[in-house]
């Protein structure tokens, strides 16, 4: 059984709830990621994703330089612990339809992040589990009502 701690990314950059969205977008561009943990100190309070920025800032014509992350971030954040097994976490990610999870230590402080990419690259033996998880994650959350074939 492979533990999350064996494949997760450590040293993850986080931002504060009072940082502005422009700073988050610039960090995403610099790091080539689509999500940044939002922490008060090293305690996880939310996640801001590129999707959060589009739906809660751009679509509402808000100012990225003055809008704080606390106003656009997701606060109902799924997370995992370092000692969890990759198999359990992949199932959790599939059920929640998410591709990355913050990793908390025993003291509930942010210690890293686990993405499907981490598992795929670092645990080649888990390739079938990753494929199954990606299939579950990618399934439409609701029916396509666009009327297109």
C-alpha atoms as a PDB file:
ATOM      1  CA  UNK A   1       0.000   0.000   0.000  1.00  0.00           C
ATOM      2  CA  UNK A   2       1.449   3.328  -1.083  1.00  0.00           C
ATOM      3  CA  UNK A   3       0.831   6.247   1.262  1.00  0.00           C
ATOM      4  CA  UNK A   4      -0.015   9.777   0.164  1.00  0.00           C
ATOM      5  CA  UNK A   5       3.228  11.019   1.787  1.00  0.00           C
ATOM      6  CA  UNK A   6       5.251   8.978  -0.714  1.00  0.00           C
ATOM      7  CA  UNK A   7       3.910  10.697  -3.838  1.00  0.00           C
ATOM      8  CA  UNK A   8       2.498  14.083  -2.819  1.00  0.00           C
ATOM      9  CA  UNK A   9       4.094  17.413  -3.701  1.00  0.00           C
ATOM     10  CA  UNK A  10       5.597  19.179  -0.695  1.00  0.00           C
ATOM     11  CA  UNK A  11       6.468  22.854  -0.338  1.00  0.00           C
ATOM     12  CA  UNK A  12       3.207  24.021  -1.870  1.00  0.00           C
ATOM     13  CA  UNK A  13       2.677  27.747  -2.225  1.00  0.00           C
ATOM     14  CA  UNK A  14      -0.378  29.057  -0.453  1.00  0.00           C
ATOM     15  CA  UNK A  15      -1.994  32.472  -0.262  1.00  0.00           C
ATOM     16  CA  UNK A  16      -3.939  34.281   2.444  1.00  0.00           C
ATOM     17  CA  UNK A  17      -7.702  34.941   2.281  1.00  0.00           C
ATOM     18  CA  UNK A  18      -6.950  38.680   2.145  1.00  0.00           C
ATOM     19  CA  UNK A  19      -4.619  38.398  -0.869  1.00  0.00           C
ATOM     20  CA  UNK A  20      -6.165  39.614  -4.105  1.00  0.00           C
ATOM     21  CA  UNK A  21      -7.262  37.452  -7.011  1.00  0.00           C
ATOM     22  CA  UNK A  22      -4.690  38.995  -9.344  1.00  0.00           C
ATOM     23  CA  UNK A  23      -1.919  37.636  -7.109  1.00  0.00           C
ATOM     24  CA  UNK A  24      -3.517  34.169  -7.221  1.00  0.00           C
ATOM     25  CA  UNK A  25      -3.804  34.240 -11.012  1.00  0.00           C
ATOM     26  CA  UNK A  26      -0.167  35.318 -11.335  1.00  0.00           C
ATOM     27  CA  UNK A  27       0.923  32.511  -8.986  1.00  0.00           C
ATOM     28  CA  UNK A  28      -1.084  29.992 -11.037  1.00  0.00           C
ATOM     29  CA  UNK A  29       0.602  31.191 -14.208  1.00  0.00           C
ATOM     30  CA  UNK A  30       4.079  31.091 -12.649  1.00  0.00           C
ATOM     31  CA  UNK A  31       3.584  27.615 -11.170  1.00  0.00           C
ATOM     32  CA  UNK A  32       1.557  26.265 -14.116  1.00  0.00           C
ATOM     33  CA  UNK A  33      -1.221  25.071 -11.791  1.00  0.00           C
ATOM     34  CA  UNK A  34      -4.970  25.542 -11.656  1.00  0.00           C
ATOM     35  CA  UNK A  35      -5.451  25.691  -7.891  1.00  0.00           C
ATOM     36  CA  UNK A  36      -3.795  27.356  -4.905  1.00  0.00           C
ATOM     37  CA  UNK A  37      -4.495  26.508  -1.255  1.00  0.00           C
ATOM     38  CA  UNK A  38      -5.706  29.443   0.830  1.00  0.00           C
ATOM     39  CA  UNK A  39      -4.412  29.406   4.395  1.00  0.00           C
ATOM     40  CA  UNK A  40      -4.480  31.461   7.548  1.00  0.00           C
ATOM     41  CA  UNK A  41      -0.941  30.800   8.695  1.00  0.00           C
ATOM     42  CA  UNK A  42      -0.547  27.149   7.741  1.00  0.00           C
ATOM     43  CA  UNK A  43      -4.179  26.218   8.426  1.00  0.00           C
ATOM     44  CA  UNK A  44      -6.189  25.441   5.302  1.00  0.00           C
ATOM     45  CA  UNK A  45      -9.315  27.608   4.979  1.00  0.00           C
ATOM     46  CA  UNK A  46     -10.071  27.201   1.281  1.00  0.00           C
ATOM     47  CA  UNK A  47      -8.850  26.649  -2.257  1.00  0.00           C
ATOM     48  CA  UNK A  48      -8.967  29.041  -5.152  1.00  0.00           C
ATOM     49  CA  UNK A  49      -9.115  27.524  -8.612  1.00  0.00           C
ATOM     50  CA  UNK A  50      -8.982  28.929 -12.089  1.00  0.00           C
ATOM     51  CA  UNK A  51     -12.658  27.976 -12.321  1.00  0.00           C
ATOM     52  CA  UNK A  52     -13.449  29.983  -9.147  1.00  0.00           C
ATOM     53  CA  UNK A  53     -11.776  32.996 -10.740  1.00  0.00           C
ATOM     54  CA  UNK A  54     -13.756  32.680 -13.966  1.00  0.00           C
ATOM     55  CA  UNK A  55     -17.148  32.083 -12.339  1.00  0.00           C
ATOM     56  CA  UNK A  56     -16.894  34.324  -9.290  1.00  0.00           C
ATOM     57  CA  UNK A  57     -14.758  37.150 -10.620  1.00  0.00           C
ATOM     58  CA  UNK A  58     -14.639  37.399 -14.417  1.00  0.00           C
ATOM     59  CA  UNK A  59     -18.296  36.459 -15.033  1.00  0.00           C
ATOM     60  CA  UNK A  60     -19.370  38.999 -12.425  1.00  0.00           C
ATOM     61  CA  UNK A  61     -17.083  41.705 -13.849  1.00  0.00           C
ATOM     62  CA  UNK A  62     -15.225  42.164 -10.570  1.00  0.00           C
ATOM     63  CA  UNK A  63     -11.769  43.712 -10.247  1.00  0.00           C
ATOM     64  CA  UNK A  64      -8.979  41.140  -9.806  1.00  0.00           C
ATOM     65  CA  UNK A  65      -6.686  43.688  -8.170  1.00  0.00           C
ATOM     66  CA  UNK A  66      -9.108  44.605  -5.413  1.00  0.00           C
ATOM     67  CA  UNK A  67     -11.193  41.451  -4.890  1.00  0.00           C
ATOM     68  CA  UNK A  68      -9.883  39.287  -2.069  1.00  0.00           C
ATOM     69  CA  UNK A  69      -9.555  35.525  -2.304  1.00  0.00           C
ATOM     70  CA  UNK A  70     -12.021  35.054   0.557  1.00  0.00           C
ATOM     71  CA  UNK A  71     -14.678  36.459  -1.792  1.00  0.00           C
ATOM     72  CA  UNK A  72     -14.101  33.926  -4.586  1.00  0.00           C
ATOM     73  CA  UNK A  73     -12.452  30.853  -3.042  1.00  0.00           C
ATOM     74  CA  UNK A  74     -14.125  27.528  -2.390  1.00  0.00           C
ATOM     75  CA  UNK A  75     -14.450  26.882   1.329  1.00  0.00           C
ATOM     76  CA  UNK A  76     -15.918  23.377   1.329  1.00  0.00           C
ATOM     77  CA  UNK A  77     -12.549  21.795   0.632  1.00  0.00           C
ATOM     78  CA  UNK A  78     -11.933  18.068   0.461  1.00  0.00           C
ATOM     79  CA  UNK A  79      -8.549  17.088   1.923  1.00  0.00           C
ATOM     80  CA  UNK A  80      -6.551  14.054   2.935  1.00  0.00           C
ATOM     81  CA  UNK A  81      -3.833  13.084   5.397  1.00  0.00           C
ATOM     82  CA  UNK A  82      -0.253  12.027   4.706  1.00  0.00           C
ATOM     83  CA  UNK A  83      -0.802   8.501   5.974  1.00  0.00           C
ATOM     84  CA  UNK A  84      -3.856   7.663   3.835  1.00  0.00           C
ATOM     85  CA  UNK A  85      -3.455   5.020   1.152  1.00  0.00           C
ATOM     86  CA  UNK A  86      -3.391   6.125  -2.461  1.00  0.00           C
ATOM     87  CA  UNK A  87      -6.198   3.664  -3.251  1.00  0.00           C
ATOM     88  CA  UNK A  88      -8.535   5.283  -0.692  1.00  0.00           C
ATOM     89  CA  UNK A  89      -7.658   8.785  -1.839  1.00  0.00           C
ATOM     90  CA  UNK A  90      -8.206   7.952  -5.510  1.00  0.00           C
ATOM     91  CA  UNK A  91     -11.676   6.698  -4.615  1.00  0.00           C
ATOM     92  CA  UNK A  92     -12.342   9.904  -2.647  1.00  0.00           C
ATOM     93  CA  UNK A  93     -11.197  12.023  -5.598  1.00  0.00           C
ATOM     94  CA  UNK A  94     -13.395  10.069  -7.988  1.00  0.00           C
ATOM     95  CA  UNK A  95     -16.493  10.403  -5.775  1.00  0.00           C
ATOM     96  CA  UNK A  96     -15.918  14.158  -5.328  1.00  0.00           C
ATOM     97  CA  UNK A  97     -14.916  14.639  -8.985  1.00  0.00           C
ATOM     98  CA  UNK A  98     -11.696  16.480  -8.117  1.00  0.00           C
ATOM     99  CA  UNK A  99      -8.167  16.137  -9.482  1.00  0.00           C
ATOM    100  CA  UNK A 100      -6.188  17.417  -6.520  1.00  0.00           C
ATOM    101  CA  UNK A 101      -6.375  17.351  -2.736  1.00  0.00           C
ATOM    102  CA  UNK A 102      -4.582  19.384  -0.091  1.00  0.00           C
ATOM    103  CA  UNK A 103      -2.657  17.142   2.298  1.00  0.00           C
ATOM    104  CA  UNK A 104      -2.782  17.883   6.011  1.00  0.00           C
ATOM    105  CA  UNK A 105      -0.427  16.595   8.666  1.00  0.00           C
ATOM    106  CA  UNK A 106      -1.515  15.101  11.969  1.00  0.00           C
ATOM    107  CA  UNK A 107      -1.678  18.634  13.390  1.00  0.00           C
ATOM    108  CA  UNK A 108      -4.122  19.582  10.584  1.00  0.00           C
ATOM    109  CA  UNK A 109      -1.610  21.944   9.003  1.00  0.00           C
ATOM    110  CA  UNK A 110      -1.037  22.053   5.237  1.00  0.00           C
ATOM    111  CA  UNK A 111       1.975  19.906   4.310  1.00  0.00           C
ATOM    112  CA  UNK A 112       1.448  19.391   0.593  1.00  0.00           C
ATOM    113  CA  UNK A 113      -0.921  18.638  -2.239  1.00  0.00           C
ATOM    114  CA  UNK A 114      -1.724  15.431  -4.078  1.00  0.00           C
ATOM    115  CA  UNK A 115      -2.813  15.477  -7.709  1.00  0.00           C
ATOM    116  CA  UNK A 116      -3.721  12.709 -10.105  1.00  0.00           C
ATOM    117  CA  UNK A 117      -0.582  13.715 -11.976  1.00  0.00           C
ATOM    118  CA  UNK A 118       1.553  13.036  -8.878  1.00  0.00           C
ATOM    119  CA  UNK A 119       0.126   9.537  -8.624  1.00  0.00           C
ATOM    120  CA  UNK A 120       0.429   8.836 -12.348  1.00  0.00           C
ATOM    121  CA  UNK A 121       4.053   9.989 -12.539  1.00  0.00           C
ATOM    122  CA  UNK A 122       5.370   8.606  -9.254  1.00  0.00           C
ATOM    123  CA  UNK A 123       3.362   5.393  -8.949  1.00  0.00           C
ATOM    124  CA  UNK A 124       3.310   3.646 -12.287  1.00  0.00           C
ATOM    125  CA  UNK A 125       1.885   0.533 -10.624  1.00  0.00           C
ATOM    126  CA  UNK A 126      -1.234   2.522  -9.751  1.00  0.00           C
ATOM    127  CA  UNK A 127      -1.926   3.407 -13.403  1.00  0.00           C
ATOM    128  CA  UNK A 128      -5.195   1.461 -13.588  1.00  0.00           C
ATOM    129  CA  UNK A 129      -6.463   3.122 -10.403  1.00  0.00           C
ATOM    130  CA  UNK A 130      -5.564   6.542 -11.813  1.00  0.00           C
ATOM    131  CA  UNK A 131      -7.377   5.749 -15.057  1.00  0.00           C
ATOM    132  CA  UNK A 132     -10.472   4.603 -13.160  1.00  0.00           C
ATOM    133  CA  UNK A 133     -10.374   7.710 -10.956  1.00  0.00           C
ATOM    134  CA  UNK A 134      -9.995  10.012 -13.945  1.00  0.00           C
ATOM    135  CA  UNK A 135     -12.972   8.342 -15.565  1.00  0.00           C
ATOM    136  CA  UNK A 136     -15.069   8.978 -12.454  1.00  0.00           C
ATOM    137  CA  UNK A 137     -13.808  12.528 -12.086  1.00  0.00           C
ATOM    138  CA  UNK A 138     -14.481  13.338 -15.717  1.00  0.00           C
ATOM    139  CA  UNK A 139     -18.019  11.951 -15.810  1.00  0.00           C
ATOM    140  CA  UNK A 140     -20.544  14.754 -16.348  1.00  0.00           C
ATOM    141  CA  UNK A 141     -21.889  16.033 -13.046  1.00  0.00           C
ATOM    142  CA  UNK A 142     -25.252  16.644 -14.704  1.00  0.00           C
ATOM    143  CA  UNK A 143     -26.699  15.767 -18.095  1.00  0.00           C
ATOM    144  CA  UNK A 144     -25.559  17.728 -21.106  1.00  0.00           C
ATOM    145  CA  UNK A 145     -28.529  19.903 -22.005  1.00  0.00           C
ATOM    146  CA  UNK A 146     -26.893  21.733 -24.878  1.00  0.00           C
ATOM    147  CA  UNK A 147     -28.983  19.866 -27.474  1.00  0.00           C
ATOM    148  CA  UNK A 148     -25.900  19.012 -29.457  1.00  0.00           C
ATOM    149  CA  UNK A 149     -25.248  15.410 -30.571  1.00  0.00           C
END
